[in-house]
Structure formats: structure tokens, C-alpha cells
Protein backbone atom coordinates (compact mmCIF):
# COMPACT_ATOMS: atom_id res chain seq x y z
CA MET A 1 -5.32 -15.05 23.52
CA LYS A 2 -2.97 -15.72 20.63
CA LYS A 3 0.74 -15.58 21.30
CA LEU A 4 3.55 -14.34 19.09
CA SER A 5 6.53 -16.68 19.29
CA LYS A 6 10.03 -16.04 17.94
CA MET A 7 13.47 -17.24 19.08
CA LYS A 8 11.94 -19.18 21.98
CA LYS A 9 10.43 -15.99 23.34
CA GLU A 10 6.67 -15.62 23.60
CA ILE A 11 4.50 -12.62 24.24
CA SER A 12 0.76 -12.15 24.10
CA PHE A 13 -0.86 -10.11 21.38
CA ASN A 14 -2.70 -8.13 24.06
CA LYS A 15 0.55 -7.03 25.73
CA ILE A 16 1.83 -5.55 22.47
CA ILE A 17 -1.44 -3.65 22.04
CA ARG A 18 -1.32 -2.40 25.66
CA ASN A 19 2.32 -1.35 25.29
CA ILE A 20 1.77 0.63 22.06
CA SER A 21 -1.52 2.21 23.11
CA SER A 22 0.02 3.30 26.45
CA GLU A 23 2.99 4.85 24.59
CA GLY A 24 5.37 2.26 26.02
CA LYS A 25 4.35 2.61 29.67
CA GLU A 26 2.88 -0.89 30.10
CA TYR A 27 4.84 -4.19 29.90
CA THR A 28 7.96 -2.16 29.06
CA GLU A 29 10.57 -4.73 30.09
CA GLU A 30 8.76 -7.73 28.56
CA ILE A 31 8.33 -5.95 25.26
CA ARG A 32 11.95 -4.76 25.21
CA GLU A 33 13.20 -8.31 25.84
CA TRP A 34 10.91 -9.76 23.14
CA VAL A 35 11.86 -7.11 20.55
CA SER A 36 15.58 -7.66 21.21
CA GLY A 37 15.11 -11.43 20.67
CA SER A 38 15.32 -11.17 16.88
CA MET A 39 15.18 -8.77 13.93
CA GLU A 40 11.87 -10.36 12.97
CA ASN A 41 10.38 -9.43 16.35
CA LYS A 42 11.64 -5.87 15.96
CA LYS A 43 10.19 -5.57 12.46
CA LEU A 44 6.87 -7.03 13.62
CA TYR A 45 6.64 -4.57 16.52
CA ASN A 46 7.48 -1.61 14.24
CA ASP A 47 4.79 -2.69 11.78
CA PHE A 48 2.20 -2.84 14.58
CA LEU A 49 3.34 0.60 15.74
CA THR A 50 3.11 2.07 12.21
CA LEU A 51 -0.36 0.58 11.70
CA TYR A 52 -1.55 2.09 14.99
CA GLU A 53 -0.09 5.51 14.14
CA LEU A 54 -1.75 5.47 10.70
CA THR A 55 -5.17 4.12 11.61
CA GLY A 56 -5.53 4.04 15.39
CA THR A 57 -6.39 0.33 15.16
CA PHE A 58 -4.72 -3.06 15.40
CA PRO A 59 -5.22 -6.20 13.28
CA THR A 60 -7.06 -9.15 14.78
CA PRO A 61 -4.88 -11.68 16.67
CA PHE A 62 -2.92 -14.07 14.50
CA THR A 63 0.06 -16.38 14.57
CA PRO A 64 2.72 -14.94 12.24
CA ASP A 65 3.98 -18.22 10.78
CA LYS A 66 4.44 -16.72 7.34
CA SER A 67 5.62 -19.88 5.60
CA LYS A 68 2.54 -21.87 6.66
CA ALA A 69 0.18 -18.97 5.97
CA TRP A 70 1.68 -18.36 2.53
CA GLN A 71 1.44 -22.06 1.66
CA LYS A 72 -2.23 -21.94 2.61
CA ILE A 73 -2.80 -18.89 0.39
CA GLN A 74 -0.97 -20.56 -2.51
CA ARG A 75 -3.18 -23.66 -2.23
CA LYS A 76 -6.22 -21.39 -2.54
CA ILE A 77 -4.66 -19.53 -5.45
CA HIS A 78 -3.81 -22.71 -7.39
CA SER A 79 -7.27 -24.10 -6.82
CA ASN A 80 -8.59 -21.20 -8.91
CA LYS A 81 -6.29 -21.18 -11.96
CA ASN A 82 -3.42 -19.46 -10.15
CA LYS A 83 -5.58 -16.42 -9.45
CA HIS A 84 -7.54 -15.71 -6.32
CA SER A 85 -9.02 -12.65 -4.61
CA LEU A 86 -9.00 -12.31 -0.84
CA TYR A 87 -11.41 -9.80 0.64
CA LEU A 88 -11.84 -8.63 4.20
CA LYS A 89 -14.32 -5.80 4.95
CA ILE A 90 -13.10 -3.11 7.30
CA ALA A 91 -14.97 -0.27 8.95
CA GLN A 92 -12.43 2.44 8.16
CA ILE A 93 -9.47 3.20 5.92
CA ALA A 94 -6.59 0.94 6.99
CA ALA A 95 -2.99 0.47 6.04
CA VAL A 96 -2.24 -2.62 4.00
CA PHE A 97 0.66 -4.78 5.19
CA ILE A 98 1.24 -7.41 2.49
CA LEU A 99 3.20 -10.49 3.57
CA VAL A 100 3.80 -9.05 7.03
CA PHE A 101 0.40 -9.79 8.51
CA LEU A 102 -0.70 -11.88 5.50
CA SER A 103 -4.16 -10.41 5.88
CA MET A 104 -5.73 -8.68 2.89
CA TRP A 105 -7.86 -5.62 3.54
CA THR A 106 -10.78 -4.30 1.47
CA GLY A 107 -10.11 -4.38 -2.24
CA THR A 108 -6.78 -6.16 -2.11
CA GLN A 109 -5.89 -8.86 -4.60
CA ILE A 110 -2.83 -11.11 -4.66
CA ASN A 111 -1.90 -12.64 -7.97
CA ASN A 112 0.73 -15.37 -8.00
CA LEU A 113 1.95 -16.09 -11.51
CA LYS A 114 4.37 -18.80 -12.55
CA HIS A 115 7.25 -16.45 -13.39
CA GLN A 116 6.25 -13.25 -11.63
CA SER A 117 4.57 -12.35 -8.36
CA TYR A 118 2.97 -9.00 -7.71
CA THR A 119 0.62 -7.30 -5.30
CA GLU A 120 -2.39 -5.35 -6.54
CA VAL A 121 -4.60 -3.13 -4.42
CA PHE A 122 -7.78 -1.62 -5.81
CA THR A 123 -10.79 0.40 -4.67
CA SER A 124 -14.39 0.41 -5.83
CA GLY A 125 -16.37 3.59 -6.43
CA GLY A 126 -17.21 5.36 -3.19
CA GLN A 127 -14.20 3.88 -1.36
CA LYS A 128 -10.74 5.10 -0.42
CA THR A 129 -7.89 2.89 0.79
CA GLN A 130 -4.60 3.87 2.41
CA ILE A 131 -1.64 1.62 1.63
CA LEU A 132 1.68 1.31 3.40
CA LEU A 133 4.26 0.13 0.86
CA PRO A 134 7.25 -2.06 1.86
CA ASP A 135 9.56 1.00 1.83
CA LYS A 136 7.19 2.80 4.28
CA SER A 137 5.92 5.17 1.59
CA THR A 138 2.16 5.69 1.80
CA VAL A 139 -0.46 5.91 -0.95
CA LEU A 140 -4.06 6.98 -0.52
CA LEU A 141 -6.12 5.55 -3.39
CA ASN A 142 -9.24 7.38 -4.55
CA GLY A 143 -12.37 5.54 -5.73
CA SER A 144 -12.22 3.26 -8.79
CA SER A 145 -8.41 3.14 -8.66
CA ARG A 146 -5.76 0.43 -8.50
CA ILE A 147 -2.05 0.17 -7.84
CA ARG A 148 0.34 -2.71 -8.54
CA TYR A 149 3.93 -3.47 -7.59
CA ASN A 150 6.24 -6.48 -8.01
CA GLN A 151 7.46 -8.76 -5.24
CA ASP A 152 10.98 -7.31 -5.54
CA PHE A 153 9.75 -3.79 -4.74
CA ASN A 154 12.30 -1.96 -2.54
CA LYS A 155 14.98 -4.57 -3.27
CA LYS A 156 16.23 -3.42 -6.66
CA ASN A 157 13.79 -0.61 -7.41
CA ARG A 158 10.59 1.09 -6.28
CA ILE A 159 8.19 0.95 -9.23
CA VAL A 160 4.41 1.08 -8.94
CA LYS A 161 1.77 1.10 -11.68
CA LEU A 162 -1.24 3.34 -11.09
CA GLU A 163 -4.65 3.37 -12.75
CA GLY A 164 -6.91 6.07 -11.33
CA GLU A 165 -5.94 8.58 -8.65
CA GLY A 166 -3.53 8.38 -5.76
CA TYR A 167 -1.92 10.77 -3.29
CA PHE A 168 1.67 9.71 -2.57
CA LYS A 169 3.98 10.43 0.34
CA VAL A 170 7.26 8.87 -0.69
CA HIS A 171 9.87 7.76 1.84
CA GLU A 172 13.21 9.33 0.94
CA ASP A 173 15.78 6.87 -0.42
CA HIS A 174 18.41 8.20 -2.83
CA SER A 175 19.70 4.72 -3.64
CA ARG A 176 16.35 3.53 -5.07
CA GLN A 177 14.30 5.93 -7.15
CA PHE A 178 10.52 5.76 -6.74
CA ILE A 179 8.65 5.62 -10.08
CA VAL A 180 4.90 5.85 -10.71
CA CYS A 181 3.91 4.48 -14.14
CA THR A 182 0.56 5.52 -15.64
CA LYS A 183 -1.59 4.19 -18.49
CA SER A 184 -1.17 7.49 -20.35
CA GLY A 185 2.54 6.72 -20.86
CA LEU A 186 3.73 9.30 -18.32
CA ASP A 187 6.16 8.15 -15.61
CA VAL A 188 6.71 10.15 -12.42
CA LYS A 189 10.22 9.81 -10.97
CA VAL A 190 10.91 10.87 -7.38
CA PHE A 191 13.12 10.15 -4.37
CA GLY A 192 11.10 11.63 -1.49
CA THR A 193 8.14 13.99 -1.75
CA SER A 194 4.34 14.30 -1.72
CA PHE A 195 2.28 14.59 -4.89
CA ASN A 196 -1.04 13.73 -6.51
CA VAL A 197 -1.47 11.68 -9.70
CA LYS A 198 -4.78 11.28 -11.54
CA SER A 199 -4.76 9.01 -14.59
CA TYR A 200 -8.00 7.12 -15.26
CA GLU A 201 -8.04 4.84 -18.30
CA ASN A 202 -11.44 6.13 -19.47
CA GLU A 203 -10.42 9.81 -19.31
CA ASP A 204 -8.24 11.74 -21.76
CA ILE A 205 -6.60 13.99 -19.16
CA THR A 206 -3.77 12.92 -16.83
CA GLU A 207 -2.96 15.31 -13.97
CA ILE A 208 0.17 15.38 -11.81
CA GLY A 209 0.36 17.94 -9.00
CA LEU A 210 3.40 18.46 -6.77
CA LYS A 211 2.85 19.42 -3.12
CA THR A 212 6.40 19.19 -1.74
CA GLY A 213 9.85 18.23 -3.04
CA SER A 214 10.70 17.74 -6.69
CA ILE A 215 9.59 15.22 -9.31
CA GLN A 216 10.54 14.45 -12.89
CA ILE A 217 7.99 13.45 -15.54
CA ASP A 218 9.07 11.16 -18.37
CA ARG A 219 7.26 9.95 -21.46
CA ASN A 220 8.48 6.99 -23.47
CA LYS A 221 11.65 6.92 -21.32
CA LYS A 222 12.45 10.57 -22.20
CA LYS A 223 12.40 13.46 -19.73
CA ILE A 224 9.65 16.01 -20.35
CA VAL A 225 9.88 18.30 -17.34
CA ARG A 226 10.87 18.61 -13.69
CA LEU A 227 8.07 20.01 -11.53
CA LYS A 228 8.40 22.45 -8.64
CA PRO A 229 6.04 22.59 -5.64
CA GLY A 230 2.75 24.23 -6.54
CA GLU A 231 2.88 23.17 -10.20
CA LEU A 232 0.26 21.05 -11.95
CA ALA A 233 1.12 19.15 -15.14
CA THR A 234 -1.73 18.10 -17.43
CA PHE A 235 -1.45 15.78 -20.41
CA ASN A 236 -4.22 15.29 -22.98
CA LYS A 237 -3.47 11.92 -24.55
CA LYS A 238 -6.16 12.42 -27.21
CA LYS A 239 -4.71 15.74 -28.41
CA ASN A 240 -1.15 14.85 -27.37
CA GLU A 241 -0.88 18.15 -25.49
CA PHE A 242 1.21 18.78 -22.37
CA ASN A 243 0.83 21.86 -20.14
CA ILE A 244 2.20 23.14 -16.81
CA GLN A 245 0.47 25.72 -14.65
CA LYS A 246 0.64 27.13 -11.13
CA GLU A 247 -2.10 25.59 -8.97
CA ASN A 248 -3.09 25.19 -5.34
CA ILE A 249 -2.27 21.50 -4.86
CA ASP A 250 -4.42 21.43 -1.70
CA ILE A 251 -7.41 21.92 -4.03
CA VAL A 252 -6.19 19.24 -6.46
CA SER A 253 -5.68 16.73 -3.62
CA ALA A 254 -8.70 17.81 -1.54
CA TRP A 255 -10.21 14.33 -1.95
CA ALA A 256 -7.39 12.98 0.27
CA ARG A 257 -8.86 15.10 3.10
CA ASN A 258 -12.39 13.84 2.33
CA GLU A 259 -13.29 17.02 0.45
CA MET A 260 -14.33 17.72 -3.12
CA ILE A 261 -13.39 21.23 -4.23
CA PHE A 262 -14.51 22.31 -7.68
CA LYS A 263 -13.04 25.47 -9.20
CA GLU A 264 -14.54 26.58 -12.51
CA SER A 265 -15.49 22.96 -13.29
CA SER A 266 -17.97 21.71 -15.89
CA LEU A 267 -20.99 19.70 -14.83
CA TRP A 268 -19.55 16.73 -16.76
CA LYS A 269 -16.32 16.84 -14.70
CA ILE A 270 -18.31 17.18 -11.47
CA ALA A 271 -20.50 14.20 -12.43
CA LYS A 272 -17.46 12.00 -13.21
CA TYR A 273 -15.90 12.83 -9.85
CA ALA A 274 -19.19 12.28 -8.02
CA GLU A 275 -19.44 8.80 -9.57
CA ARG A 276 -16.20 7.75 -7.88
CA TRP A 277 -16.95 9.64 -4.67
CA TYR A 278 -20.35 8.05 -4.05
CA GLY A 279 -19.90 4.79 -6.00
CA VAL A 280 -22.76 5.46 -8.44
CA GLU A 281 -23.30 5.70 -12.19
CA ILE A 282 -24.52 9.09 -13.42
CA ASN A 283 -26.38 9.56 -16.71
CA LEU A 284 -25.96 13.25 -17.60
CA ASP A 285 -28.25 14.89 -20.16
CA PRO A 286 -26.07 16.22 -23.05
CA LYS A 287 -28.19 19.40 -22.99
CA LEU A 288 -26.60 20.25 -19.63
CA GLN A 289 -23.09 20.17 -21.10
CA ASP A 290 -23.33 23.79 -22.18
CA GLY A 291 -19.91 25.02 -21.08
CA GLU A 292 -21.09 26.64 -17.84
CA LYS A 293 -18.52 26.41 -15.00
CA LEU A 294 -19.33 25.87 -11.32
CA THR A 295 -17.30 26.57 -8.17
CA PHE A 296 -18.15 25.03 -4.78
CA LYS A 297 -16.88 22.71 -2.03
CA VAL A 298 -18.30 19.44 -0.69
CA LYS A 299 -17.16 17.68 2.49
CA THR A 300 -19.74 15.57 4.32
CA GLU A 301 -22.80 16.08 2.16
CA SER A 302 -24.75 13.09 0.88
CA LEU A 303 -25.32 12.56 -2.83
CA GLN A 304 -28.80 14.06 -2.56
CA GLU A 305 -27.43 17.11 -0.75
CA LEU A 306 -24.77 17.49 -3.46
CA LEU A 307 -27.44 17.44 -6.19
CA LYS A 308 -29.52 19.99 -4.28
CA MET A 309 -26.45 22.23 -4.07
CA ILE A 310 -25.84 21.92 -7.82
CA ASN A 311 -29.52 22.70 -8.43
CA ILE A 312 -29.09 26.02 -6.59
CA LEU A 313 -26.15 26.97 -8.81
CA LYS A 314 -27.54 25.49 -12.04
CA PRO A 315 -31.17 24.32 -12.37
CA ILE A 316 -31.36 20.55 -12.88
CA LYS A 317 -33.84 17.71 -12.47
CA TYR A 318 -32.46 14.54 -10.94
CA LYS A 319 -33.53 11.04 -9.95
CA ILE A 320 -31.68 8.58 -7.67
CA ASP A 321 -32.54 4.91 -8.19
CA GLY A 322 -30.09 2.83 -6.14
CA LYS A 323 -26.72 3.10 -7.86
CA GLN A 324 -28.24 4.75 -10.96
CA VAL A 325 -28.50 8.54 -11.06
CA THR A 326 -30.16 10.55 -13.86
CA ILE A 327 -29.58 14.29 -14.23
CA LYS A 328 -31.69 16.15 -16.79
CA LYS A 329 -32.49 19.69 -17.80
CA PRO A 330 -35.70 20.87 -16.05
């Protein structure tokens, strides 16, 4: 069994697991002595605890010699033109602890540039990934999305760049404002709240829905509006139109609870969402884009069950060929 060693104190990886999973009842004194040995030990223990609370799992045993591990990663990065992707498949959504555990989960990429270092996390279609940021804020990324932040995140500022869709729960910190930058030019400024942002590069509409707290939306460094809970802001970058409406944010962010809820949605919008949900490419017959709106909810249904459900509401003919899906008018 691997051992964690700091300040001449050693403790087995298994004892930490047993202590956390037993809610502190096992190996209490040994753990307390090890944690009090250094701030690094305390931080390491808290990160294990947070990971367990978020996912119910622990990382595989490792020796947290960050300097040696980082040197090893850098050698791999430089051997591939200063850019390298590290992938590790996991069976469930897991929190991502960059530079704490130095282990990259599904869809995580580290890019080490000469003058700037940043961390980028991305998801493929059909996947979702939960991320724990250095300030203990959490982000749940929807399919075909990515988020990036600089190495100095939480030191001078808390700025992330989002492409796609993410549900944020921001840790309150009035000394460092949290900012989400999107490709549409809209920036979301917040100190501590929960909200949903959808801004895909290949779509004209950007949506920002506020669940709790208060957020400010800027464009080109100028304030546009300050949202209240239950408000949804939409921006059409093609038409340059900005609107605010009252909306049930639980419906907007239903994907974060593994649900798809469509309310008066076009078949085109449903197809685009289904592409990310199931990780497929859907070819939709233009004849089906007739303006008809559909309302229904999907939770655990397969792609075929979803298409059968749509067929009940609106007659369609469909074919599934691996990752390619064709939907035609019957």
C-alpha cells in the first residue's frame, strides 16, 4: 500500500480512506496527528474529503511528490511540441483536482505554454464532467463543452472561459469576483451564486439563467443588466438582440439532474440537444422544421426510446446507424 509522507510523518492511503468513509471514527488519532503535521497534509486531507463528498469515490493510491510528478508531465508535454493530452477513463462523473492529485480525469487537457500556463477541461458528446475549481466552486459541464482557466486562478482573480454549457455553483468570495467569459462576447460577473450558462460556438443563441443569488452580465466591458433569481437572459448574436424573461431555471438546468425537459421546443432544438446528450450526429429533414412545438421530459430513456416518444407526438421516420442518426418525414 502506498504511503503519504510529509514532515517526517507517514500514513497509509488506506487509513485515510477508512477514516473518511467511517466519518472520522477509524484511525482518529493517527489522522489527527498526520493532518496537524503540516498545512500540506491538511489541504491534502480536505481535498480527499471533498472528492468523497462529491463523488463517493477516492482516487487510486499515489505518492504526492508534486515536483517530481510535474517534471514528468512537463517532459511528456515538451516531447510533443509543448502540448500534450492526458486521458484517464472513469466510470462515473468525478471531480477534477488539477495539480493536487496530478491525475487528469476524462476529457482533461493540460497545456503548458512558454509564457502562460492554463488548465482546460472538456467533454465529448454524450458525456458530463463535474469539476472542482481551486476556489472550491463547482462546474458541471454538459456534452460537447469546454472550460479553461489560467494557472493564477484564485490568486489575483477568478476568470474562466466557457464554450458550451455549464452549471455553476460559485464559492462566495467578495475579494475576488468570479467571471465567466463566453464566445458570444457576454461576461457573467458573480461573487457567490448558482446559475446556468449555455453558449455554444455553432449556435446563435446564448442563454444565462440565474437560480440563486445575483449576477451581472457585461458585453464589451460594459454592463448590460443585473439578473434576479428566476430570470433567463437570451442573446442572439446574429440579430444582436438581448432579452430577459421570467423562467423556471430548474427546467433550463434540468440536464444537470440528468433530465431533458423541452417546453414548446422545435424539433431542430430537440435534435441539437439530443446530439450532445447521446453523443451522436443527427441529420434532420428540413421538411420537419415546420414550426411545430413539442413539450415533453426525458430522464433515463435511450436514444431509440426518445425517437419513439417524438414519433408519438409528431410522426417521423428515423434510422440509427452507429453515431449517425437520420430523421425524415414519413
